[in-house]
PDB file of N, CA and C in Angstrom:
ATOM      1  N   MET A   1      99.795 114.298 120.799  1.00  0.00           N
ATOM      2  CA  MET A   1      99.403 112.760 121.186  1.00  0.00           C
ATOM      3  C   MET A   1     100.293 112.035 120.026  1.00  0.00           C
ATOM      4  N   PRO A   2     100.853 111.130 120.860  1.00  0.00           N
ATOM      5  CA  PRO A   2     101.654 110.263 120.072  1.00  0.00           C
ATOM      6  C   PRO A   2     101.043 109.493 118.730  1.00  0.00           C
ATOM      7  N   SER A   3     101.257 109.285 118.075  1.00  0.00           N
ATOM      8  CA  SER A   3     101.081 108.220 117.007  1.00  0.00           C
ATOM      9  C   SER A   3     101.223 106.504 117.129  1.00  0.00           C
ATOM     10  N   SER A   4     100.291 105.723 116.648  1.00  0.00           N
ATOM     11  CA  SER A   4     100.449 104.328 117.062  1.00  0.00           C
ATOM     12  C   SER A   4     100.264 103.069 115.679  1.00  0.00           C
ATOM     13  N   VAL A   5     101.072 102.440 115.518  1.00  0.00           N
ATOM     14  CA  VAL A   5     100.237 101.508 114.848  1.00  0.00           C
ATOM     15  C   VAL A   5     100.764 100.451 114.615  1.00  0.00           C
ATOM     16  N   LYS A   6      99.702  99.290 114.335  1.00  0.00           N
ATOM     17  CA  LYS A   6      99.989  97.725 114.765  1.00  0.00           C
ATOM     18  C   LYS A   6     100.275  97.107 113.514  1.00  0.00           C
ATOM     19  N   VAL A   7     101.081  96.184 113.413  1.00  0.00           N
ATOM     20  CA  VAL A   7     101.680  95.644 112.005  1.00  0.00           C
ATOM     21  C   VAL A   7     101.232  94.253 112.275  1.00  0.00           C
ATOM     22  N   ASN A   8     100.773  93.701 111.304  1.00  0.00           N
ATOM     23  CA  ASN A   8     100.469  92.066 111.413  1.00  0.00           C
ATOM     24  C   ASN A   8     101.388  91.139 110.289  1.00  0.00           C
ATOM     25  N   SER A   9     102.457  90.678 110.895  1.00  0.00           N
ATOM     26  CA  SER A   9     103.472  90.182 109.508  1.00  0.00           C
ATOM     27  C   SER A   9     103.085  88.982 109.707  1.00  0.00           C
ATOM     28  N   THR A  10     102.380  88.564 108.732  1.00  0.00           N
ATOM     29  CA  THR A  10     101.244  86.890 108.501  1.00  0.00           C
ATOM     30  C   THR A  10     102.630  86.119 107.881  1.00  0.00           C
ATOM     31  N   ILE A  11     103.382  86.555 107.416  1.00  0.00           N
ATOM     32  CA  ILE A  11     104.351  86.182 106.503  1.00  0.00           C
ATOM     33  C   ILE A  11     105.259  84.898 107.898  1.00  0.00           C
ATOM     34  N   CYS A  12     105.579  85.828 108.390  1.00  0.00           N
ATOM     35  CA  CYS A  12     106.624  85.000 109.650  1.00  0.00           C
ATOM     36  C   CYS A  12     105.908  85.140 111.181  1.00  0.00           C
ATOM     37  N   GLY A  13     104.718  85.550 110.994  1.00  0.00           N
ATOM     38  CA  GLY A  13     103.685  85.039 112.335  1.00  0.00           C
ATOM     39  C   GLY A  13     104.200  86.017 113.434  1.00  0.00           C
ATOM     40  N   PHE A  14     104.869  87.108 113.424  1.00  0.00           N
ATOM     41  CA  PHE A  14     104.770  88.383 114.390  1.00  0.00           C
ATOM     42  C   PHE A  14     103.740  89.809 114.049  1.00  0.00           C
ATOM     43  N   LYS A  15     103.184  90.119 115.692  1.00  0.00           N
ATOM     44  CA  LYS A  15     102.796  90.868 115.495  1.00  0.00           C
ATOM     45  C   LYS A  15     103.620  92.070 116.439  1.00  0.00           C
ATOM     46  N   HIS A  16     103.151  93.265 116.180  1.00  0.00           N
ATOM     47  CA  HIS A  16     104.259  94.883 116.481  1.00  0.00           C
ATOM     48  C   HIS A  16     103.597  95.418 116.663  1.00  0.00           C
ATOM     49  N   LYS A  17     103.699  96.543 117.598  1.00  0.00           N
ATOM     50  CA  LYS A  17     102.944  98.155 117.964  1.00  0.00           C
ATOM     51  C   LYS A  17     104.186  98.952 117.670  1.00  0.00           C
ATOM     52  N   ILE A  18     103.908  99.769 117.116  1.00  0.00           N
ATOM     53  CA  ILE A  18     105.238 100.955 116.689  1.00  0.00           C
ATOM     54  C   ILE A  18     104.501 102.563 117.713  1.00  0.00           C
ATOM     55  N   ASN A  19     105.152 102.763 118.520  1.00  0.00           N
ATOM     56  CA  ASN A  19     104.561 103.892 118.973  1.00  0.00           C
ATOM     57  C   ASN A  19     105.681 105.279 118.775  1.00  0.00           C
ATOM     58  N   GLY A  20     105.580 106.237 118.575  1.00  0.00           N
ATOM     59  CA  GLY A  20     106.194 107.222 117.943  1.00  0.00           C
ATOM     60  C   GLY A  20     105.742 108.641 118.317  1.00  0.00           C
ATOM     61  N   GLN A  21     106.836 109.522 118.940  1.00  0.00           N
ATOM     62  CA  GLN A  21     106.189 110.792 119.258  1.00  0.00           C
ATOM     63  C   GLN A  21     107.608 111.760 119.032  1.00  0.00           C
ATOM     64  N   LEU A  22     106.992 112.864 118.555  1.00  0.00           N
ATOM     65  CA  LEU A  22     108.100 113.984 118.345  1.00  0.00           C
ATOM     66  C   LEU A  22     108.724 114.753 119.647  1.00  0.00           C
ATOM     67  N   GLU A  23     110.012 114.660 119.831  1.00  0.00           N
ATOM     68  CA  GLU A  23     110.159 115.336 120.464  1.00  0.00           C
ATOM     69  C   GLU A  23     111.694 116.201 120.165  1.00  0.00           C
ATOM     70  N   GLY A  24     111.300 117.226 120.391  1.00  0.00           N
ATOM     71  CA  GLY A  24     112.389 118.510 119.425  1.00  0.00           C
ATOM     72  C   GLY A  24     112.523 117.728 118.231  1.00  0.00           C
ATOM     73  N   LYS A  25     114.085 117.989 117.919  1.00  0.00           N
ATOM     74  CA  LYS A  25     114.546 117.328 116.554  1.00  0.00           C
ATOM     75  C   LYS A  25     114.509 115.950 115.858  1.00  0.00           C
ATOM     76  N   GLU A  26     113.515 115.191 117.065  1.00  0.00           N
ATOM     77  CA  GLU A  26     113.476 113.799 116.900  1.00  0.00           C
ATOM     78  C   GLU A  26     112.377 113.309 116.849  1.00  0.00           C
ATOM     79  N   ILE A  27     111.956 111.834 116.277  1.00  0.00           N
ATOM     80  CA  ILE A  27     110.748 111.270 116.435  1.00  0.00           C
ATOM     81  C   ILE A  27     111.444 110.105 117.399  1.00  0.00           C
ATOM     82  N   ILE A  28     111.127 110.049 118.586  1.00  0.00           N
ATOM     83  CA  ILE A  28     111.378 108.563 119.338  1.00  0.00           C
ATOM     84  C   ILE A  28     110.426 107.384 119.225  1.00  0.00           C
ATOM     85  N   THR A  29     110.840 106.260 118.527  1.00  0.00           N
ATOM     86  CA  THR A  29     109.841 105.419 118.061  1.00  0.00           C
ATOM     87  C   THR A  29     110.525 104.110 119.352  1.00  0.00           C
ATOM     88  N   ASP A  30     109.299 103.398 119.568  1.00  0.00           N
ATOM     89  CA  ASP A  30     109.565 102.279 120.407  1.00  0.00           C
ATOM     90  C   ASP A  30     108.608 101.022 119.865  1.00  0.00           C
ATOM     91  N   ILE A  31     108.976  99.799 119.835  1.00  0.00           N
ATOM     92  CA  ILE A  31     108.491  99.107 119.329  1.00  0.00           C
ATOM     93  C   ILE A  31     108.092  97.446 120.092  1.00  0.00           C
ATOM     94  N   GLU A  32     106.860  97.453 120.331  1.00  0.00           N
ATOM     95  CA  GLU A  32     106.619  96.286 121.274  1.00  0.00           C
ATOM     96  C   GLU A  32     106.540  94.938 120.131  1.00  0.00           C
ATOM     97  N   THR A  33     107.044  93.998 120.351  1.00  0.00           N
ATOM     98  CA  THR A  33     107.548  92.704 119.351  1.00  0.00           C
ATOM     99  C   THR A  33     107.982  91.396 119.812  1.00  0.00           C
ATOM    100  N   ASP A  34     107.605  90.525 119.729  1.00  0.00           N
ATOM    101  CA  ASP A  34     108.259  89.718 119.911  1.00  0.00           C
ATOM    102  C   ASP A  34     109.385  88.767 119.017  1.00  0.00           C
ATOM    103  N   CYS A  35     109.322  89.398 117.874  1.00  0.00           N
ATOM    104  CA  CYS A  35     110.260  89.110 116.896  1.00  0.00           C
ATOM    105  C   CYS A  35     111.823  89.446 117.614  1.00  0.00           C
ATOM    106  N   ALA A  36     112.847  88.725 117.335  1.00  0.00           N
ATOM    107  CA  ALA A  36     114.135  88.847 118.432  1.00  0.00           C
ATOM    108  C   ALA A  36     115.204  89.663 117.270  1.00  0.00           C
ATOM    109  N   LYS A  37     114.596  89.784 115.713  1.00  0.00           N
ATOM    110  CA  LYS A  37     115.254  90.593 114.827  1.00  0.00           C
ATOM    111  C   LYS A  37     114.631  92.258 115.342  1.00  0.00           C
ATOM    112  N   VAL A  38     113.593  92.089 115.342  1.00  0.00           N
ATOM    113  CA  VAL A  38     112.969  93.663 115.429  1.00  0.00           C
ATOM    114  C   VAL A  38     112.900  94.443 116.818  1.00  0.00           C
ATOM    115  N   ALA A  39     113.252  93.466 117.802  1.00  0.00           N
ATOM    116  CA  ALA A  39     113.796  93.491 118.978  1.00  0.00           C
ATOM    117  C   ALA A  39     114.886  94.744 119.279  1.00  0.00           C
ATOM    118  N   LYS A  40     115.735  94.381 118.327  1.00  0.00           N
ATOM    119  CA  LYS A  40     117.109  94.908 118.360  1.00  0.00           C
ATOM    120  C   LYS A  40     116.932  96.601 117.719  1.00  0.00           C
ATOM    121  N   ILE A  41     116.008  96.498 117.141  1.00  0.00           N
ATOM    122  CA  ILE A  41     115.739  98.150 117.038  1.00  0.00           C
ATOM    123  C   ILE A  41     114.391  98.501 117.764  1.00  0.00           C
ATOM    124  N   ALA A  42     114.221  98.329 118.699  1.00  0.00           N
ATOM    125  CA  ALA A  42     112.800  98.385 119.379  1.00  0.00           C
ATOM    126  C   ALA A  42     112.937  99.635 119.911  1.00  0.00           C
ATOM    127  N   HIS A  43     113.798 100.562 120.293  1.00  0.00           N
ATOM    128  CA  HIS A  43     114.022 101.711 120.281  1.00  0.00           C
ATOM    129  C   HIS A  43     114.834 102.805 119.701  1.00  0.00           C
ATOM    130  N   MET A  44     114.297 103.696 119.051  1.00  0.00           N
ATOM    131  CA  MET A  44     115.322 104.619 118.072  1.00  0.00           C
ATOM    132  C   MET A  44     114.567 106.211 118.520  1.00  0.00           C
ATOM    133  N   GLU A  45     116.092 106.843 118.397  1.00  0.00           N
ATOM    134  CA  GLU A  45     115.766 108.206 118.390  1.00  0.00           C
ATOM    135  C   GLU A  45     116.319 109.049 117.115  1.00  0.00           C
ATOM    136  N   ILE A  46     115.074 108.843 116.245  1.00  0.00           N
ATOM    137  CA  ILE A  46     115.101 109.377 114.825  1.00  0.00           C
ATOM    138  C   ILE A  46     115.381 110.684 114.081  1.00  0.00           C
ATOM    139  N   PRO A  47     116.578 110.897 114.077  1.00  0.00           N
ATOM    140  CA  PRO A  47     116.242 112.623 113.450  1.00  0.00           C
ATOM    141  C   PRO A  47     115.333 112.939 112.378  1.00  0.00           C
ATOM    142  N   LYS A  48     114.476 114.265 112.521  1.00  0.00           N
ATOM    143  CA  LYS A  48     113.359 114.393 111.338  1.00  0.00           C
ATOM    144  C   LYS A  48     114.436 114.283 110.216  1.00  0.00           C
ATOM    145  N   LYS A  49     115.552 114.868 109.647  1.00  0.00           N
ATOM    146  CA  LYS A  49     115.980 115.305 108.861  1.00  0.00           C
ATOM    147  C   LYS A  49     116.400 113.915 107.955  1.00  0.00           C
ATOM    148  N   GLN A  50     116.587 112.711 108.873  1.00  0.00           N
ATOM    149  CA  GLN A  50     116.816 111.369 108.289  1.00  0.00           C
ATOM    150  C   GLN A  50     115.621 110.609 108.251  1.00  0.00           C
ATOM    151  N   THR A  51     114.578 111.109 107.643  1.00  0.00           N
ATOM    152  CA  THR A  51     112.831 110.658 107.316  1.00  0.00           C
ATOM    153  C   THR A  51     112.472 110.839 106.128  1.00  0.00           C
ATOM    154  N   MET A  52     113.393 111.751 105.273  1.00  0.00           N
ATOM    155  CA  MET A  52     112.603 112.254 104.143  1.00  0.00           C
ATOM    156  C   MET A  52     113.045 111.082 102.981  1.00  0.00           C
ATOM    157  N   ASN A  53     114.145 110.572 102.852  1.00  0.00           N
ATOM    158  CA  ASN A  53     114.265 109.501 101.749  1.00  0.00           C
ATOM    159  C   ASN A  53     114.629 108.095 102.126  1.00  0.00           C
ATOM    160  N   ILE A  54     114.842 107.221 101.329  1.00  0.00           N
ATOM    161  CA  ILE A  54     115.113 105.703 101.433  1.00  0.00           C
ATOM    162  C   ILE A  54     116.268 105.682 101.717  1.00  0.00           C
ATOM    163  N   LYS A  55     117.674 106.550 100.828  1.00  0.00           N
ATOM    164  CA  LYS A  55     118.496 106.475 101.145  1.00  0.00           C
ATOM    165  C   LYS A  55     119.003 107.085 102.360  1.00  0.00           C
ATOM    166  N   GLU A  56     119.043 107.861 102.740  1.00  0.00           N
ATOM    167  CA  GLU A  56     119.667 108.753 104.284  1.00  0.00           C
ATOM    168  C   GLU A  56     118.332 108.549 104.972  1.00  0.00           C
ATOM    169  N   ASN A  57     118.252 107.207 105.485  1.00  0.00           N
ATOM    170  CA  ASN A  57     117.485 107.182 106.177  1.00  0.00           C
ATOM    171  C   ASN A  57     117.654 106.250 107.212  1.00  0.00           C
ATOM    172  N   TYR A  58     117.250 106.870 108.723  1.00  0.00           N
ATOM    173  CA  TYR A  58     117.908 106.252 109.922  1.00  0.00           C
ATOM    174  C   TYR A  58     117.173 105.383 109.902  1.00  0.00           C
ATOM    175  N   ALA A  59     115.854 104.940 110.006  1.00  0.00           N
ATOM    176  CA  ALA A  59     115.291 103.594 110.504  1.00  0.00           C
ATOM    177  C   ALA A  59     115.785 102.452 109.567  1.00  0.00           C
ATOM    178  N   MET A  60     115.914 102.692 108.170  1.00  0.00           N
ATOM    179  CA  MET A  60     116.414 101.857 107.057  1.00  0.00           C
ATOM    180  C   MET A  60     117.460 101.211 107.570  1.00  0.00           C
ATOM    181  N   ASP A  61     118.551 102.572 107.905  1.00  0.00           N
ATOM    182  CA  ASP A  61     119.770 102.036 108.107  1.00  0.00           C
ATOM    183  C   ASP A  61     119.875 101.266 109.706  1.00  0.00           C
ATOM    184  N   GLN A  62     118.989 101.348 110.308  1.00  0.00           N
ATOM    185  CA  GLN A  62     118.914 100.198 111.519  1.00  0.00           C
ATOM    186  C   GLN A  62     119.023  99.353 111.185  1.00  0.00           C
ATOM    187  N   ALA A  63     117.886  99.024 110.488  1.00  0.00           N
ATOM    188  CA  ALA A  63     116.936  98.052 109.937  1.00  0.00           C
ATOM    189  C   ALA A  63     117.665  96.769 108.962  1.00  0.00           C
ATOM    190  N   LYS A  64     118.624  97.616 108.608  1.00  0.00           N
ATOM    191  CA  LYS A  64     119.193  96.802 107.280  1.00  0.00           C
ATOM    192  C   LYS A  64     120.200  95.931 107.557  1.00  0.00           C
ATOM    193  N   ASP A  65     121.289  95.741 108.885  1.00  0.00           N
ATOM    194  CA  ASP A  65     121.721  94.779 109.344  1.00  0.00           C
ATOM    195  C   ASP A  65     121.093  93.998 110.397  1.00  0.00           C
ATOM    196  N   THR A  66     119.578  94.277 110.354  1.00  0.00           N
ATOM    197  CA  THR A  66     119.144  93.786 111.448  1.00  0.00           C
ATOM    198  C   THR A  66     118.038  92.897 111.265  1.00  0.00           C
ATOM    199  N   CYS A  67     117.063  93.146 110.496  1.00  0.00           N
ATOM    200  CA  CYS A  67     115.883  92.959 109.697  1.00  0.00           C
ATOM    201  C   CYS A  67     115.793  91.854 108.469  1.00  0.00           C
ATOM    202  N   CYS A  68     114.721  91.198 108.542  1.00  0.00           N
ATOM    203  CA  CYS A  68     114.927  90.319 106.993  1.00  0.00           C
ATOM    204  C   CYS A  68     114.929  91.623 105.796  1.00  0.00           C
ATOM    205  N   ALA A  69     114.867  91.239 104.808  1.00  0.00           N
ATOM    206  CA  ALA A  69     115.022  91.696 103.506  1.00  0.00           C
ATOM    207  C   ALA A  69     113.252  92.640 103.316  1.00  0.00           C
ATOM    208  N   ILE A  70     112.522  91.659 103.778  1.00  0.00           N
ATOM    209  CA  ILE A  70     111.419  91.924 103.345  1.00  0.00           C
ATOM    210  C   ILE A  70     110.651  92.403 104.502  1.00  0.00           C
ATOM    211  N   CYS A  71     110.872  92.504 105.491  1.00  0.00           N
ATOM    212  CA  CYS A  71     110.530  92.981 106.595  1.00  0.00           C
ATOM    213  C   CYS A  71     109.912  93.868 106.552  1.00  0.00           C
ATOM    214  N   ILE A  72     108.404  94.234 106.902  1.00  0.00           N
ATOM    215  CA  ILE A  72     107.567  95.632 106.620  1.00  0.00           C
ATOM    216  C   ILE A  72     107.431  96.499 108.150  1.00  0.00           C
ATOM    217  N   VAL A  73     107.878  96.211 108.690  1.00  0.00           N
ATOM    218  CA  VAL A  73     108.404  96.633 110.306  1.00  0.00           C
ATOM    219  C   VAL A  73     108.910  98.160 109.961  1.00  0.00           C
ATOM    220  N   PRO A  74     109.661  98.437 109.198  1.00  0.00           N
ATOM    221  CA  PRO A  74     111.030  99.605 108.808  1.00  0.00           C
ATOM    222  C   PRO A  74     109.803 100.604 108.142  1.00  0.00           C
ATOM    223  N   ALA A  75     108.959 100.338 107.256  1.00  0.00           N
ATOM    224  CA  ALA A  75     108.287 100.796 106.708  1.00  0.00           C
ATOM    225  C   ALA A  75     107.261 101.425 107.484  1.00  0.00           C
ATOM    226  N   ALA A  76     106.714 100.789 108.610  1.00  0.00           N
ATOM    227  CA  ALA A  76     105.379 101.516 109.153  1.00  0.00           C
ATOM    228  C   ALA A  76     106.156 102.273 110.261  1.00  0.00           C
ATOM    229  N   VAL A  77     107.778 102.173 110.563  1.00  0.00           N
ATOM    230  CA  VAL A  77     107.954 103.150 111.489  1.00  0.00           C
ATOM    231  C   VAL A  77     108.085 104.084 110.805  1.00  0.00           C
ATOM    232  N   MET A  78     108.084 104.525 109.320  1.00  0.00           N
ATOM    233  CA  MET A  78     108.115 105.534 108.124  1.00  0.00           C
ATOM    234  C   MET A  78     106.725 106.191 108.679  1.00  0.00           C
ATOM    235  N   TYR A  79     105.722 105.434 108.401  1.00  0.00           N
ATOM    236  CA  TYR A  79     104.704 105.948 108.753  1.00  0.00           C
ATOM    237  C   TYR A  79     104.497 106.472 109.899  1.00  0.00           C
ATOM    238  N   VAL A  80     104.799 105.978 110.692  1.00  0.00           N
ATOM    239  CA  VAL A  80     104.696 106.853 112.115  1.00  0.00           C
ATOM    240  C   VAL A  80     105.199 107.865 112.311  1.00  0.00           C
ATOM    241  N   CYS A  81     106.570 108.261 111.425  1.00  0.00           N
ATOM    242  CA  CYS A  81     107.519 109.073 111.810  1.00  0.00           C
ATOM    243  C   CYS A  81     106.420 110.505 111.059  1.00  0.00           C
ATOM    244  N   LYS A  82     106.251 109.772 109.662  1.00  0.00           N
ATOM    245  CA  LYS A  82     105.429 111.040 108.836  1.00  0.00           C
ATOM    246  C   LYS A  82     104.264 111.475 109.454  1.00  0.00           C
ATOM    247  N   MET A  83     103.558 110.518 109.897  1.00  0.00           N
ATOM    248  CA  MET A  83     102.438 110.986 111.104  1.00  0.00           C
ATOM    249  C   MET A  83     102.705 112.153 112.242  1.00  0.00           C
ATOM    250  N   GLU A  84     104.272 111.616 112.559  1.00  0.00           N
ATOM    251  CA  GLU A  84     104.571 112.559 113.729  1.00  0.00           C
ATOM    252  C   GLU A  84     104.839 114.402 113.228  1.00  0.00           C
ATOM    253  N   LEU A  85     105.396 113.724 112.099  1.00  0.00           N
ATOM    254  CA  LEU A  85     106.055 115.119 111.399  1.00  0.00           C
ATOM    255  C   LEU A  85     105.007 115.809 110.726  1.00  0.00           C
ATOM    256  N   GLY A  86     103.351 115.303 110.884  1.00  0.00           N
ATOM    257  CA  GLY A  86     102.439 116.185 110.133  1.00  0.00           C
ATOM    258  C   GLY A  86     102.773 115.909 108.605  1.00  0.00           C
ATOM    259  N   MET A  87     103.172 114.968 107.991  1.00  0.00           N
ATOM    260  CA  MET A  87     103.166 115.076 106.837  1.00  0.00           C
ATOM    261  C   MET A  87     102.316 114.010 106.117  1.00  0.00           C
ATOM    262  N   LEU A  88     101.884 113.388 107.155  1.00  0.00           N
ATOM    263  CA  LEU A  88     100.946 112.267 107.014  1.00  0.00           C
ATOM    264  C   LEU A  88      99.565 112.494 108.025  1.00  0.00           C
ATOM    265  N   SER A  89      98.641 112.665 107.349  1.00  0.00           N
ATOM    266  CA  SER A  89      97.397 112.936 108.008  1.00  0.00           C
ATOM    267  C   SER A  89      96.858 111.919 108.936  1.00  0.00           C
ATOM    268  N   LYS A  90      96.799 111.661 110.506  1.00  0.00           N
ATOM    269  CA  LYS A  90      96.145 110.855 110.985  1.00  0.00           C
ATOM    270  C   LYS A  90      95.001 110.392 110.872  1.00  0.00           C
ATOM    271  N   ASN A  91      94.320 111.389 110.809  1.00  0.00           N
ATOM    272  CA  ASN A  91      92.579 111.244 110.253  1.00  0.00           C
ATOM    273  C   ASN A  91      92.338 110.392 109.027  1.00  0.00           C
ATOM    274  N   LEU A  92      93.094 110.495 107.938  1.00  0.00           N
ATOM    275  CA  LEU A  92      93.628 110.069 106.567  1.00  0.00           C
ATOM    276  C   LEU A  92      93.604 108.552 106.925  1.00  0.00           C
ATOM    277  N   ALA A  93      95.004 108.167 107.667  1.00  0.00           N
ATOM    278  CA  ALA A  93      95.823 107.023 108.346  1.00  0.00           C
ATOM    279  C   ALA A  93      94.794 106.131 108.343  1.00  0.00           C
ATOM    280  N   LYS A  94      93.905 107.120 109.497  1.00  0.00           N
ATOM    281  CA  LYS A  94      93.038 106.093 110.725  1.00  0.00           C
ATOM    282  C   LYS A  94      91.465 105.479 109.282  1.00  0.00           C
ATOM    283  N   GLN A  95      91.275 106.387 108.787  1.00  0.00           N
ATOM    284  CA  GLN A  95      90.402 106.164 107.676  1.00  0.00           C
ATOM    285  C   GLN A  95      90.528 105.254 107.129  1.00  0.00           C
ATOM    286  N   ALA A  96      91.810 105.593 106.157  1.00  0.00           N
ATOM    287  CA  ALA A  96      92.125 104.469 105.382  1.00  0.00           C
ATOM    288  C   ALA A  96      92.555 103.014 105.764  1.00  0.00           C
ATOM    289  N   GLY A  97      92.335 102.909 107.254  1.00  0.00           N
ATOM    290  CA  GLY A  97      92.845 101.467 107.880  1.00  0.00           C
ATOM    291  C   GLY A  97      93.910 101.069 108.060  1.00  0.00           C
ATOM    292  N   THR A  98      94.202 100.271 106.631  1.00  0.00           N
ATOM    293  CA  THR A  98      94.749  99.265 106.706  1.00  0.00           C
ATOM    294  C   THR A  98      95.776  99.738 105.267  1.00  0.00           C
ATOM    295  N   VAL A  99      97.067  99.249 105.273  1.00  0.00           N
ATOM    296  CA  VAL A  99      98.022  99.044 103.890  1.00  0.00           C
ATOM    297  C   VAL A  99      98.260  97.739 103.507  1.00  0.00           C
ATOM    298  N   ASP A 100      98.011  96.861 102.472  1.00  0.00           N
ATOM    299  CA  ASP A 100      98.120  95.843 102.357  1.00  0.00           C
ATOM    300  C   ASP A 100      98.744  95.248 101.166  1.00  0.00           C
ATOM    301  N   ILE A 101      99.607  93.743 101.666  1.00  0.00           N
ATOM    302  CA  ILE A 101     100.033  93.521 100.471  1.00  0.00           C
ATOM    303  C   ILE A 101      99.384  92.276  99.926  1.00  0.00           C
ATOM    304  N   ASP A 102      98.494  92.058  98.896  1.00  0.00           N
ATOM    305  CA  ASP A 102      97.760  91.013  98.685  1.00  0.00           C
ATOM    306  C   ASP A 102      98.907  89.847  97.602  1.00  0.00           C
ATOM    307  N   PHE A 103      98.988  88.827  98.325  1.00  0.00           N
ATOM    308  CA  PHE A 103      99.511  88.103  97.696  1.00  0.00           C
ATOM    309  C   PHE A 103      98.307  86.804  96.811  1.00  0.00           C
ATOM    310  N   THR A 104      98.461  87.255  95.089  1.00  0.00           N
ATOM    311  CA  THR A 104      97.589  86.302  94.453  1.00  0.00           C
ATOM    312  C   THR A 104      98.096  85.752  93.587  1.00  0.00           C
ATOM    313  N   GLU A 105      97.538  84.753  93.135  1.00  0.00           N
ATOM    314  CA  GLU A 105      97.922  83.713  92.064  1.00  0.00           C
ATOM    315  C   GLU A 105      97.859  84.572  90.547  1.00  0.00           C
ATOM    316  N   GLY A 106      98.510  84.048  89.574  1.00  0.00           N
ATOM    317  CA  GLY A 106      98.798  84.944  88.517  1.00  0.00           C
ATOM    318  C   GLY A 106     100.256  86.040  88.435  1.00  0.00           C
TER     319      GLY A 106
END
């Protein structure tokens, strides 16, 4: 069963849906988005070996010349990859519900 996450980029006003599925040695990801920058990486075929680190990471490499520096979509793509590889429990992720960045005063 494919993995799927929703991303609400409230700062820039865009919402995205990321779907991913492991096929052989690659995770195929597709992103539904209205953001022109994210749309440039809307379809990726990510080698499993390039999901382990930030430095040698296919999704981050694709995003670095396309997305804004603070875009949270590449990190969400990595969550999808980790779920597809069995390195992050889909049940645990569903139970957690969200990953937040809270902007607080002080």
